[in-house]
């Protein structure tokens, strides 16, 4: 086991699959939405171990049907059992996208099977960290990922968890205090994961947007995020964009021009409850965001499980 004194940098997950517009034109029909709602109570995750046609140590998942695929996310995390429960350890590895296999979204573990001790465990720490050495999680949207295959290295296990949006997309207000990371011509926004609501951490979806006059095509805002600092208490991005869009190329009548709020595909960051992320946007842009909280427990899987197994997706009780 290796030892490392430095803390692990926060996770950042690209959210290119979160938009229908990322595929430039996919829309769920009302009939499909109604069908999802009818089967939500019986939503089951199915997975096969060492599925036929894939390399050894491969899990193939079929995601459950849920009431709204835009509200749910599926997190996959490479893990190893923590053999020193008095310390927190991590895996220096992650799941990376590979060429689609048989029409399935396909990911392969990239990294070492050796664990790295990062800090002493405290009672306030994550219960999952006390049990497992955790690699970088992969957060997937339900849309476009009905079936997912994951190939691991020998000795690496896999765990999963559902995440659900805590509400609708919100508009952030510009920060009232000056920030050293904000360049001239940019506006800083600070978004904080809530505290005291029972969750240890939240995913924050960052969605830069801009009001633009566009035609009848589907448009996505161009731009990129630049990481400025990645400390546990100081996570900052600068979003750079010239305000242009990527769009479909349908023929549109001239009178189809209208002002719409066009969004960037965005990114998703994982933050502990109470921790913040700062984003600096060019003047004239709008910062929107959405929070996701864990839905149910983290479930470790073992290669000893052969055949097909099922796990029911938890259904959160809505407060009155």
C-alpha atoms as a PDB file:
ATOM      1  CA  UNK A   1       0.000   0.000   0.000  1.00  0.00           C
ATOM      2  CA  UNK A   2       1.335   3.416  -0.964  1.00  0.00           C
ATOM      3  CA  UNK A   3       1.079   6.474   1.267  1.00  0.00           C
ATOM      4  CA  UNK A   4       0.249   9.964   0.061  1.00  0.00           C
ATOM      5  CA  UNK A   5      -0.148  13.032   2.250  1.00  0.00           C
ATOM      6  CA  UNK A   6      -1.969  15.233  -0.221  1.00  0.00           C
ATOM      7  CA  UNK A   7      -5.754  15.274  -0.449  1.00  0.00           C
ATOM      8  CA  UNK A   8      -7.647  14.059  -3.434  1.00  0.00           C
ATOM      9  CA  UNK A   9      -8.858  16.709  -5.874  1.00  0.00           C
ATOM     10  CA  UNK A  10     -12.641  17.069  -6.308  1.00  0.00           C
ATOM     11  CA  UNK A  11     -14.305  15.005  -8.989  1.00  0.00           C
ATOM     12  CA  UNK A  12     -15.410  16.633 -12.212  1.00  0.00           C
ATOM     13  CA  UNK A  13     -17.666  14.726 -14.618  1.00  0.00           C
ATOM     14  CA  UNK A  14     -18.435  15.921 -18.135  1.00  0.00           C
ATOM     15  CA  UNK A  15     -22.159  16.237 -18.668  1.00  0.00           C
ATOM     16  CA  UNK A  16     -22.308  16.138 -22.445  1.00  0.00           C
ATOM     17  CA  UNK A  17     -24.992  13.467 -22.331  1.00  0.00           C
ATOM     18  CA  UNK A  18     -27.343  15.507 -20.134  1.00  0.00           C
ATOM     19  CA  UNK A  19     -28.871  17.380 -23.067  1.00  0.00           C
ATOM     20  CA  UNK A  20     -31.173  16.084 -25.722  1.00  0.00           C
ATOM     21  CA  UNK A  21     -29.405  18.722 -27.756  1.00  0.00           C
ATOM     22  CA  UNK A  22     -26.096  16.952 -27.354  1.00  0.00           C
ATOM     23  CA  UNK A  23     -27.448  14.442 -29.845  1.00  0.00           C
ATOM     24  CA  UNK A  24     -29.137  17.353 -31.651  1.00  0.00           C
ATOM     25  CA  UNK A  25     -32.711  16.257 -31.674  1.00  0.00           C
ATOM     26  CA  UNK A  26     -33.856  13.544 -29.258  1.00  0.00           C
ATOM     27  CA  UNK A  27     -37.166  14.084 -27.496  1.00  0.00           C
ATOM     28  CA  UNK A  28     -39.105  11.670 -25.287  1.00  0.00           C
ATOM     29  CA  UNK A  29     -42.676  11.231 -26.442  1.00  0.00           C
ATOM     30  CA  UNK A  30     -45.605  11.681 -24.099  1.00  0.00           C
ATOM     31  CA  UNK A  31     -46.445   7.995 -24.537  1.00  0.00           C
ATOM     32  CA  UNK A  32     -42.933   6.995 -23.401  1.00  0.00           C
ATOM     33  CA  UNK A  33     -43.154   9.322 -20.383  1.00  0.00           C
ATOM     34  CA  UNK A  34     -46.515   7.879 -19.409  1.00  0.00           C
ATOM     35  CA  UNK A  35     -45.112   4.344 -19.747  1.00  0.00           C
ATOM     36  CA  UNK A  36     -42.196   5.230 -17.471  1.00  0.00           C
ATOM     37  CA  UNK A  37     -44.534   6.610 -14.832  1.00  0.00           C
ATOM     38  CA  UNK A  38     -46.647   3.442 -14.895  1.00  0.00           C
ATOM     39  CA  UNK A  39     -43.637   1.194 -14.248  1.00  0.00           C
ATOM     40  CA  UNK A  40     -41.684   3.356 -11.787  1.00  0.00           C
ATOM     41  CA  UNK A  41     -42.662   1.309  -8.735  1.00  0.00           C
ATOM     42  CA  UNK A  42     -41.258  -1.836 -10.356  1.00  0.00           C
ATOM     43  CA  UNK A  43     -38.010  -0.214 -11.550  1.00  0.00           C
ATOM     44  CA  UNK A  44     -35.192  -2.759 -11.332  1.00  0.00           C
ATOM     45  CA  UNK A  45     -31.519  -2.591 -12.187  1.00  0.00           C
ATOM     46  CA  UNK A  46     -30.296  -5.741 -13.932  1.00  0.00           C
ATOM     47  CA  UNK A  47     -26.657  -6.716 -14.286  1.00  0.00           C
ATOM     48  CA  UNK A  48     -24.740  -9.657 -15.702  1.00  0.00           C
ATOM     49  CA  UNK A  49     -21.235 -10.618 -14.622  1.00  0.00           C
ATOM     50  CA  UNK A  50     -18.735 -11.802 -17.272  1.00  0.00           C
ATOM     51  CA  UNK A  51     -21.346 -11.384 -19.987  1.00  0.00           C
ATOM     52  CA  UNK A  52     -20.895 -13.318 -23.221  1.00  0.00           C
ATOM     53  CA  UNK A  53     -18.947 -11.393 -25.866  1.00  0.00           C
ATOM     54  CA  UNK A  54     -17.038  -9.199 -23.412  1.00  0.00           C
ATOM     55  CA  UNK A  55     -13.591  -9.519 -21.759  1.00  0.00           C
ATOM     56  CA  UNK A  56     -13.323 -11.074 -18.274  1.00  0.00           C
ATOM     57  CA  UNK A  57     -14.302  -8.930 -15.279  1.00  0.00           C
ATOM     58  CA  UNK A  58     -17.103  -7.211 -17.208  1.00  0.00           C
ATOM     59  CA  UNK A  59     -20.432  -6.064 -15.774  1.00  0.00           C
ATOM     60  CA  UNK A  60     -23.305  -5.333 -18.166  1.00  0.00           C
ATOM     61  CA  UNK A  61     -26.055  -3.184 -16.676  1.00  0.00           C
ATOM     62  CA  UNK A  62     -29.577  -2.563 -17.881  1.00  0.00           C
ATOM     63  CA  UNK A  63     -30.822   0.573 -16.174  1.00  0.00           C
ATOM     64  CA  UNK A  64     -34.335   0.642 -14.747  1.00  0.00           C
ATOM     65  CA  UNK A  65     -37.264   2.597 -16.095  1.00  0.00           C
ATOM     66  CA  UNK A  66     -37.814   5.719 -13.991  1.00  0.00           C
ATOM     67  CA  UNK A  67     -40.544   8.399 -13.921  1.00  0.00           C
ATOM     68  CA  UNK A  68     -38.271  11.062 -15.463  1.00  0.00           C
ATOM     69  CA  UNK A  69     -34.951  10.134 -17.059  1.00  0.00           C
ATOM     70  CA  UNK A  70     -33.802  13.762 -16.857  1.00  0.00           C
ATOM     71  CA  UNK A  71     -34.019  13.679 -13.028  1.00  0.00           C
ATOM     72  CA  UNK A  72     -31.921  10.551 -12.375  1.00  0.00           C
ATOM     73  CA  UNK A  73     -28.208   9.823 -12.605  1.00  0.00           C
ATOM     74  CA  UNK A  74     -26.374   6.493 -12.285  1.00  0.00           C
ATOM     75  CA  UNK A  75     -23.000   6.530 -10.501  1.00  0.00           C
ATOM     76  CA  UNK A  76     -20.431   3.763 -10.970  1.00  0.00           C
ATOM     77  CA  UNK A  77     -17.347   3.694  -8.721  1.00  0.00           C
ATOM     78  CA  UNK A  78     -14.305   1.384  -8.838  1.00  0.00           C
ATOM     79  CA  UNK A  79     -13.499   0.157  -5.324  1.00  0.00           C
ATOM     80  CA  UNK A  80     -11.344  -2.179  -3.257  1.00  0.00           C
ATOM     81  CA  UNK A  81     -11.919  -3.350   0.272  1.00  0.00           C
ATOM     82  CA  UNK A  82     -10.140  -1.088   2.791  1.00  0.00           C
ATOM     83  CA  UNK A  83      -7.849  -3.373   4.792  1.00  0.00           C
ATOM     84  CA  UNK A  84      -6.912  -0.510   7.170  1.00  0.00           C
ATOM     85  CA  UNK A  85     -10.286   0.754   8.429  1.00  0.00           C
ATOM     86  CA  UNK A  86      -8.634   3.366  10.680  1.00  0.00           C
ATOM     87  CA  UNK A  87      -7.475   5.281   7.583  1.00  0.00           C
ATOM     88  CA  UNK A  88      -9.010   6.526   4.355  1.00  0.00           C
ATOM     89  CA  UNK A  89      -7.575   5.100   1.163  1.00  0.00           C
ATOM     90  CA  UNK A  90      -8.214   5.637  -2.514  1.00  0.00           C
ATOM     91  CA  UNK A  91      -7.688   3.993  -5.874  1.00  0.00           C
ATOM     92  CA  UNK A  92      -5.675   5.855  -8.476  1.00  0.00           C
ATOM     93  CA  UNK A  93      -7.988   4.931 -11.311  1.00  0.00           C
ATOM     94  CA  UNK A  94     -11.208   5.759 -13.103  1.00  0.00           C
ATOM     95  CA  UNK A  95     -13.635   4.448 -15.709  1.00  0.00           C
ATOM     96  CA  UNK A  96     -12.922   5.835 -19.184  1.00  0.00           C
ATOM     97  CA  UNK A  97     -15.154   5.731 -22.228  1.00  0.00           C
ATOM     98  CA  UNK A  98     -14.263   3.197 -24.891  1.00  0.00           C
ATOM     99  CA  UNK A  99     -15.667   2.289 -28.287  1.00  0.00           C
ATOM    100  CA  UNK A 100     -19.280   1.161 -28.102  1.00  0.00           C
ATOM    101  CA  UNK A 101     -19.691  -2.611 -27.904  1.00  0.00           C
ATOM    102  CA  UNK A 102     -22.811  -4.166 -29.394  1.00  0.00           C
ATOM    103  CA  UNK A 103     -24.654  -0.862 -29.164  1.00  0.00           C
ATOM    104  CA  UNK A 104     -23.914  -0.511 -25.441  1.00  0.00           C
ATOM    105  CA  UNK A 105     -22.135   2.401 -23.764  1.00  0.00           C
ATOM    106  CA  UNK A 106     -18.772   0.869 -22.823  1.00  0.00           C
ATOM    107  CA  UNK A 107     -16.277   1.880 -20.114  1.00  0.00           C
ATOM    108  CA  UNK A 108     -12.938   0.389 -19.078  1.00  0.00           C
ATOM    109  CA  UNK A 109     -11.055   0.805 -15.796  1.00  0.00           C
ATOM    110  CA  UNK A 110      -7.908   2.857 -16.355  1.00  0.00           C
ATOM    111  CA  UNK A 111      -5.455   2.955 -13.469  1.00  0.00           C
ATOM    112  CA  UNK A 112      -3.644   0.932 -10.854  1.00  0.00           C
ATOM    113  CA  UNK A 113      -4.960  -1.789  -8.576  1.00  0.00           C
ATOM    114  CA  UNK A 114      -2.680  -0.499  -5.794  1.00  0.00           C
ATOM    115  CA  UNK A 115      -4.342   1.582  -3.082  1.00  0.00           C
ATOM    116  CA  UNK A 116      -3.136   4.934  -1.746  1.00  0.00           C
ATOM    117  CA  UNK A 117      -3.618   6.018   1.875  1.00  0.00           C
ATOM    118  CA  UNK A 118      -4.580   9.681   1.932  1.00  0.00           C
ATOM    119  CA  UNK A 119      -5.541  10.622   5.495  1.00  0.00           C
ATOM    120  CA  UNK A 120      -6.629   9.265   8.878  1.00  0.00           C
ATOM    121  CA  UNK A 121     -10.267   8.316   9.132  1.00  0.00           C
ATOM    122  CA  UNK A 122     -12.440  10.337  11.508  1.00  0.00           C
ATOM    123  CA  UNK A 123     -15.936   9.561  12.820  1.00  0.00           C
ATOM    124  CA  UNK A 124     -17.201  12.468  10.702  1.00  0.00           C
ATOM    125  CA  UNK A 125     -15.831  10.853   7.547  1.00  0.00           C
ATOM    126  CA  UNK A 126     -17.802   8.904   4.981  1.00  0.00           C
ATOM    127  CA  UNK A 127     -18.898   5.423   6.027  1.00  0.00           C
ATOM    128  CA  UNK A 128     -18.105   4.264   2.503  1.00  0.00           C
ATOM    129  CA  UNK A 129     -14.523   5.526   2.850  1.00  0.00           C
ATOM    130  CA  UNK A 130     -14.107   3.475   6.036  1.00  0.00           C
ATOM    131  CA  UNK A 131     -15.022   0.296   4.145  1.00  0.00           C
ATOM    132  CA  UNK A 132     -13.576   0.834   0.679  1.00  0.00           C
ATOM    133  CA  UNK A 133     -10.669   2.354  -1.226  1.00  0.00           C
ATOM    134  CA  UNK A 134     -12.557   4.464  -3.746  1.00  0.00           C
ATOM    135  CA  UNK A 135     -11.559   5.422  -7.281  1.00  0.00           C
ATOM    136  CA  UNK A 136     -12.986   8.306  -9.293  1.00  0.00           C
ATOM    137  CA  UNK A 137     -16.763   7.935  -9.706  1.00  0.00           C
ATOM    138  CA  UNK A 138     -18.418   8.027 -13.109  1.00  0.00           C
ATOM    139  CA  UNK A 139     -21.805   9.765 -13.201  1.00  0.00           C
ATOM    140  CA  UNK A 140     -24.027   8.838 -16.133  1.00  0.00           C
ATOM    141  CA  UNK A 141     -27.357  10.310 -17.256  1.00  0.00           C
ATOM    142  CA  UNK A 142     -30.151   7.811 -17.794  1.00  0.00           C
ATOM    143  CA  UNK A 143     -30.818   9.271 -21.223  1.00  0.00           C
ATOM    144  CA  UNK A 144     -28.683   7.486 -23.819  1.00  0.00           C
ATOM    145  CA  UNK A 145     -27.368   4.904 -21.337  1.00  0.00           C
ATOM    146  CA  UNK A 146     -30.112   2.290 -21.157  1.00  0.00           C
ATOM    147  CA  UNK A 147     -27.423  -0.429 -21.240  1.00  0.00           C
ATOM    148  CA  UNK A 148     -23.885   0.053 -19.958  1.00  0.00           C
ATOM    149  CA  UNK A 149     -20.902  -2.339 -19.980  1.00  0.00           C
ATOM    150  CA  UNK A 150     -17.920  -1.902 -17.631  1.00  0.00           C
ATOM    151  CA  UNK A 151     -14.677  -3.920 -17.787  1.00  0.00           C
ATOM    152  CA  UNK A 152     -12.458  -3.921 -14.680  1.00  0.00           C
ATOM    153  CA  UNK A 153      -8.986  -5.180 -13.838  1.00  0.00           C
ATOM    154  CA  UNK A 154      -8.504  -8.273 -11.701  1.00  0.00           C
ATOM    155  CA  UNK A 155      -8.817  -7.303  -8.045  1.00  0.00           C
ATOM    156  CA  UNK A 156     -10.974  -4.235  -8.696  1.00  0.00           C
ATOM    157  CA  UNK A 157     -14.600  -4.262  -7.611  1.00  0.00           C
ATOM    158  CA  UNK A 158     -17.455  -2.014  -8.605  1.00  0.00           C
ATOM    159  CA  UNK A 159     -20.158  -0.190  -6.696  1.00  0.00           C
ATOM    160  CA  UNK A 160     -23.134   1.830  -7.839  1.00  0.00           C
ATOM    161  CA  UNK A 161     -25.545   4.408  -6.522  1.00  0.00           C
ATOM    162  CA  UNK A 162     -28.515   6.366  -7.838  1.00  0.00           C
ATOM    163  CA  UNK A 163     -28.683  10.148  -7.629  1.00  0.00           C
ATOM    164  CA  UNK A 164     -31.818  12.253  -8.100  1.00  0.00           C
ATOM    165  CA  UNK A 165     -32.328  15.949  -8.733  1.00  0.00           C
ATOM    166  CA  UNK A 166     -33.468  17.807  -5.616  1.00  0.00           C
ATOM    167  CA  UNK A 167     -35.496  20.224  -7.724  1.00  0.00           C
ATOM    168  CA  UNK A 168     -35.672  22.106 -10.992  1.00  0.00           C
ATOM    169  CA  UNK A 169     -32.826  24.016 -12.656  1.00  0.00           C
ATOM    170  CA  UNK A 170     -32.142  27.261 -10.746  1.00  0.00           C
ATOM    171  CA  UNK A 171     -30.591  30.589 -11.724  1.00  0.00           C
ATOM    172  CA  UNK A 172     -27.561  31.631  -9.668  1.00  0.00           C
ATOM    173  CA  UNK A 173     -27.031  35.208  -8.534  1.00  0.00           C
ATOM    174  CA  UNK A 174     -23.672  36.939  -9.126  1.00  0.00           C
ATOM    175  CA  UNK A 175     -21.401  36.888  -6.104  1.00  0.00           C
ATOM    176  CA  UNK A 176     -21.572  40.079  -4.020  1.00  0.00           C
ATOM    177  CA  UNK A 177     -17.935  39.802  -2.914  1.00  0.00           C
ATOM    178  CA  UNK A 178     -14.868  40.289  -5.151  1.00  0.00           C
ATOM    179  CA  UNK A 179     -12.972  37.175  -6.215  1.00  0.00           C
ATOM    180  CA  UNK A 180      -9.331  36.987  -7.182  1.00  0.00           C
ATOM    181  CA  UNK A 181     -10.009  34.323  -9.823  1.00  0.00           C
ATOM    182  CA  UNK A 182     -12.436  36.471 -11.830  1.00  0.00           C
ATOM    183  CA  UNK A 183     -10.764  38.039 -14.924  1.00  0.00           C
ATOM    184  CA  UNK A 184     -11.787  41.422 -16.277  1.00  0.00           C
ATOM    185  CA  UNK A 185     -15.060  41.169 -18.162  1.00  0.00           C
ATOM    186  CA  UNK A 186     -16.195  38.086 -16.221  1.00  0.00           C
ATOM    187  CA  UNK A 187     -18.821  37.754 -13.482  1.00  0.00           C
ATOM    188  CA  UNK A 188     -18.215  35.350 -10.540  1.00  0.00           C
ATOM    189  CA  UNK A 189     -20.925  33.019  -9.229  1.00  0.00           C
ATOM    190  CA  UNK A 190     -20.616  30.880  -6.087  1.00  0.00           C
ATOM    191  CA  UNK A 191     -22.841  27.818  -5.686  1.00  0.00           C
ATOM    192  CA  UNK A 192     -22.836  25.934  -2.385  1.00  0.00           C
ATOM    193  CA  UNK A 193     -23.997  22.387  -1.666  1.00  0.00           C
ATOM    194  CA  UNK A 194     -26.628  22.502   1.091  1.00  0.00           C
ATOM    195  CA  UNK A 195     -25.962  21.408   4.662  1.00  0.00           C
ATOM    196  CA  UNK A 196     -28.187  19.779   7.234  1.00  0.00           C
ATOM    197  CA  UNK A 197     -30.384  17.871   4.776  1.00  0.00           C
ATOM    198  CA  UNK A 198     -28.977  14.418   5.509  1.00  0.00           C
ATOM    199  CA  UNK A 199     -26.671  13.993   2.495  1.00  0.00           C
ATOM    200  CA  UNK A 200     -22.870  13.896   2.843  1.00  0.00           C
ATOM    201  CA  UNK A 201     -22.309  15.222  -0.672  1.00  0.00           C
ATOM    202  CA  UNK A 202     -24.073  16.543  -3.759  1.00  0.00           C
ATOM    203  CA  UNK A 203     -23.436  16.687  -7.459  1.00  0.00           C
ATOM    204  CA  UNK A 204     -23.784  20.223  -8.820  1.00  0.00           C
ATOM    205  CA  UNK A 205     -24.591  20.512 -12.518  1.00  0.00           C
ATOM    206  CA  UNK A 206     -23.176  23.775 -13.887  1.00  0.00           C
ATOM    207  CA  UNK A 207     -25.113  25.111 -16.885  1.00  0.00           C
ATOM    208  CA  UNK A 208     -23.853  28.345 -18.505  1.00  0.00           C
ATOM    209  CA  UNK A 209     -26.600  29.823 -20.678  1.00  0.00           C
ATOM    210  CA  UNK A 210     -27.244  32.877 -22.833  1.00  0.00           C
ATOM    211  CA  UNK A 211     -30.274  34.595 -24.356  1.00  0.00           C
ATOM    212  CA  UNK A 212     -29.812  34.475 -28.122  1.00  0.00           C
ATOM    213  CA  UNK A 213     -31.938  35.100 -31.202  1.00  0.00           C
ATOM    214  CA  UNK A 214     -32.060  31.751 -32.991  1.00  0.00           C
ATOM    215  CA  UNK A 215     -34.018  30.002 -35.713  1.00  0.00           C
ATOM    216  CA  UNK A 216     -36.054  26.792 -35.544  1.00  0.00           C
ATOM    217  CA  UNK A 217     -32.965  24.556 -35.276  1.00  0.00           C
ATOM    218  CA  UNK A 218     -31.788  22.982 -32.027  1.00  0.00           C
ATOM    219  CA  UNK A 219     -28.895  25.038 -30.643  1.00  0.00           C
ATOM    220  CA  UNK A 220     -26.184  24.303 -28.052  1.00  0.00           C
ATOM    221  CA  UNK A 221     -23.954  27.035 -26.649  1.00  0.00           C
ATOM    222  CA  UNK A 222     -20.252  26.732 -27.509  1.00  0.00           C
ATOM    223  CA  UNK A 223     -17.665  27.174 -24.771  1.00  0.00           C
ATOM    224  CA  UNK A 224     -15.295  25.397 -22.410  1.00  0.00           C
ATOM    225  CA  UNK A 225     -14.525  25.274 -18.685  1.00  0.00           C
ATOM    226  CA  UNK A 226     -11.002  26.043 -17.475  1.00  0.00           C
ATOM    227  CA  UNK A 227     -10.024  24.796 -14.008  1.00  0.00           C
ATOM    228  CA  UNK A 228      -8.335  27.554 -11.996  1.00  0.00           C
ATOM    229  CA  UNK A 229      -8.046  25.917  -8.563  1.00  0.00           C
ATOM    230  CA  UNK A 230      -8.988  22.501  -7.244  1.00  0.00           C
ATOM    231  CA  UNK A 231      -8.572  22.609  -3.473  1.00  0.00           C
ATOM    232  CA  UNK A 232     -11.053  20.944  -1.131  1.00  0.00           C
ATOM    233  CA  UNK A 233     -12.320  24.394  -0.057  1.00  0.00           C
ATOM    234  CA  UNK A 234     -11.537  26.318  -3.250  1.00  0.00           C
ATOM    235  CA  UNK A 235     -12.836  24.921  -6.526  1.00  0.00           C
ATOM    236  CA  UNK A 236     -12.935  27.508  -9.303  1.00  0.00           C
ATOM    237  CA  UNK A 237     -13.670  27.401 -13.040  1.00  0.00           C
ATOM    238  CA  UNK A 238     -13.609  30.045 -15.732  1.00  0.00           C
ATOM    239  CA  UNK A 239     -16.090  29.463 -18.538  1.00  0.00           C
ATOM    240  CA  UNK A 240     -14.908  30.908 -21.849  1.00  0.00           C
ATOM    241  CA  UNK A 241     -17.329  31.355 -24.741  1.00  0.00           C
ATOM    242  CA  UNK A 242     -17.761  33.667 -27.697  1.00  0.00           C
ATOM    243  CA  UNK A 243     -21.537  33.210 -27.578  1.00  0.00           C
ATOM    244  CA  UNK A 244     -21.782  31.163 -30.777  1.00  0.00           C
ATOM    245  CA  UNK A 245     -23.768  27.942 -31.014  1.00  0.00           C
ATOM    246  CA  UNK A 246     -23.654  24.476 -32.529  1.00  0.00           C
ATOM    247  CA  UNK A 247     -26.948  23.551 -34.195  1.00  0.00           C
ATOM    248  CA  UNK A 248     -28.828  21.231 -36.462  1.00  0.00           C
ATOM    249  CA  UNK A 249     -29.188  22.378 -40.076  1.00  0.00           C
ATOM    250  CA  UNK A 250     -32.841  22.189 -40.891  1.00  0.00           C
ATOM    251  CA  UNK A 251     -34.278  24.706 -43.312  1.00  0.00           C
ATOM    252  CA  UNK A 252     -36.169  27.337 -41.302  1.00  0.00           C
ATOM    253  CA  UNK A 253     -38.515  30.102 -42.484  1.00  0.00           C
ATOM    254  CA  UNK A 254     -37.202  33.622 -41.925  1.00  0.00           C
ATOM    255  CA  UNK A 255     -39.967  34.411 -39.458  1.00  0.00           C
ATOM    256  CA  UNK A 256     -38.802  31.559 -37.192  1.00  0.00           C
ATOM    257  CA  UNK A 257     -36.211  33.778 -35.484  1.00  0.00           C
ATOM    258  CA  UNK A 258     -36.968  34.231 -31.776  1.00  0.00           C
ATOM    259  CA  UNK A 259     -35.102  34.885 -28.533  1.00  0.00           C
ATOM    260  CA  UNK A 260     -34.403  31.731 -26.533  1.00  0.00           C
ATOM    261  CA  UNK A 261     -32.261  30.784 -23.552  1.00  0.00           C
ATOM    262  CA  UNK A 262     -29.555  28.535 -25.039  1.00  0.00           C
ATOM    263  CA  UNK A 263     -27.551  26.304 -22.708  1.00  0.00           C
ATOM    264  CA  UNK A 264     -24.105  24.759 -22.775  1.00  0.00           C
ATOM    265  CA  UNK A 265     -23.945  20.961 -22.146  1.00  0.00           C
ATOM    266  CA  UNK A 266     -22.295  21.827 -18.825  1.00  0.00           C
ATOM    267  CA  UNK A 267     -20.227  19.858 -16.361  1.00  0.00           C
ATOM    268  CA  UNK A 268     -21.042  18.162 -13.061  1.00  0.00           C
ATOM    269  CA  UNK A 269     -18.888  18.536  -9.932  1.00  0.00           C
ATOM    270  CA  UNK A 270     -19.072  16.540  -6.708  1.00  0.00           C
ATOM    271  CA  UNK A 271     -18.968  18.629  -3.518  1.00  0.00           C
ATOM    272  CA  UNK A 272     -19.276  17.805   0.160  1.00  0.00           C
ATOM    273  CA  UNK A 273     -22.277  19.301   1.958  1.00  0.00           C
ATOM    274  CA  UNK A 274     -21.447  22.921   2.728  1.00  0.00           C
ATOM    275  CA  UNK A 275     -18.645  23.148   0.135  1.00  0.00           C
ATOM    276  CA  UNK A 276     -18.832  25.556  -2.798  1.00  0.00           C
ATOM    277  CA  UNK A 277     -17.800  25.862  -6.415  1.00  0.00           C
ATOM    278  CA  UNK A 278     -17.054  29.217  -8.063  1.00  0.00           C
ATOM    279  CA  UNK A 279     -17.696  29.780 -11.759  1.00  0.00           C
ATOM    280  CA  UNK A 280     -16.702  32.933 -13.667  1.00  0.00           C
ATOM    281  CA  UNK A 281     -18.844  33.652 -16.738  1.00  0.00           C
ATOM    282  CA  UNK A 282     -18.411  36.337 -19.406  1.00  0.00           C
ATOM    283  CA  UNK A 283     -20.638  39.372 -18.910  1.00  0.00           C
ATOM    284  CA  UNK A 284     -24.046  38.890 -20.526  1.00  0.00           C
ATOM    285  CA  UNK A 285     -24.234  35.161 -19.742  1.00  0.00           C
ATOM    286  CA  UNK A 286     -26.548  33.458 -17.228  1.00  0.00           C
ATOM    287  CA  UNK A 287     -25.349  30.896 -14.674  1.00  0.00           C
ATOM    288  CA  UNK A 288     -27.838  28.105 -14.041  1.00  0.00           C
ATOM    289  CA  UNK A 289     -27.351  24.986 -11.952  1.00  0.00           C
ATOM    290  CA  UNK A 290     -29.057  21.875 -10.605  1.00  0.00           C
ATOM    291  CA  UNK A 291     -28.380  19.813  -7.486  1.00  0.00           C
ATOM    292  CA  UNK A 292     -28.434  16.010  -7.240  1.00  0.00           C
ATOM    293  CA  UNK A 293     -28.602  14.118  -3.935  1.00  0.00           C
ATOM    294  CA  UNK A 294     -27.929  10.402  -3.360  1.00  0.00           C
ATOM    295  CA  UNK A 295     -31.014   8.223  -3.752  1.00  0.00           C
ATOM    296  CA  UNK A 296     -30.561   5.116  -1.622  1.00  0.00           C
ATOM    297  CA  UNK A 297     -27.407   3.404  -0.406  1.00  0.00           C
ATOM    298  CA  UNK A 298     -24.109   2.733  -2.146  1.00  0.00           C
ATOM    299  CA  UNK A 299     -24.227  -0.894  -3.362  1.00  0.00           C
ATOM    300  CA  UNK A 300     -20.961  -2.848  -3.830  1.00  0.00           C
ATOM    301  CA  UNK A 301     -20.976  -5.615  -6.448  1.00  0.00           C
ATOM    302  CA  UNK A 302     -18.812  -8.687  -6.512  1.00  0.00           C
ATOM    303  CA  UNK A 303     -17.595 -10.821  -9.385  1.00  0.00           C
ATOM    304  CA  UNK A 304     -18.595 -13.797  -7.262  1.00  0.00           C
ATOM    305  CA  UNK A 305     -22.173 -12.936  -8.202  1.00  0.00           C
ATOM    306  CA  UNK A 306     -22.825 -14.976 -11.333  1.00  0.00           C
ATOM    307  CA  UNK A 307     -25.754 -14.839 -13.692  1.00  0.00           C
ATOM    308  CA  UNK A 308     -28.292 -12.031 -13.414  1.00  0.00           C
ATOM    309  CA  UNK A 309     -29.190 -10.066 -10.301  1.00  0.00           C
ATOM    310  CA  UNK A 310     -31.631  -7.236  -9.702  1.00  0.00           C
ATOM    311  CA  UNK A 311     -31.704  -4.195  -7.451  1.00  0.00           C
ATOM    312  CA  UNK A 312     -34.818  -2.045  -6.975  1.00  0.00           C
ATOM    313  CA  UNK A 313     -34.374   1.678  -7.448  1.00  0.00           C
ATOM    314  CA  UNK A 314     -35.495   3.524  -4.299  1.00  0.00           C
ATOM    315  CA  UNK A 315     -38.521   5.801  -4.618  1.00  0.00           C
ATOM    316  CA  UNK A 316     -38.096   8.985  -2.588  1.00  0.00           C
ATOM    317  CA  UNK A 317     -41.109  10.099  -0.597  1.00  0.00           C
ATOM    318  CA  UNK A 318     -42.029  13.645  -1.530  1.00  0.00           C
ATOM    319  CA  UNK A 319     -42.618  16.078   1.307  1.00  0.00           C
ATOM    320  CA  UNK A 320     -46.065  17.653   1.468  1.00  0.00           C
END
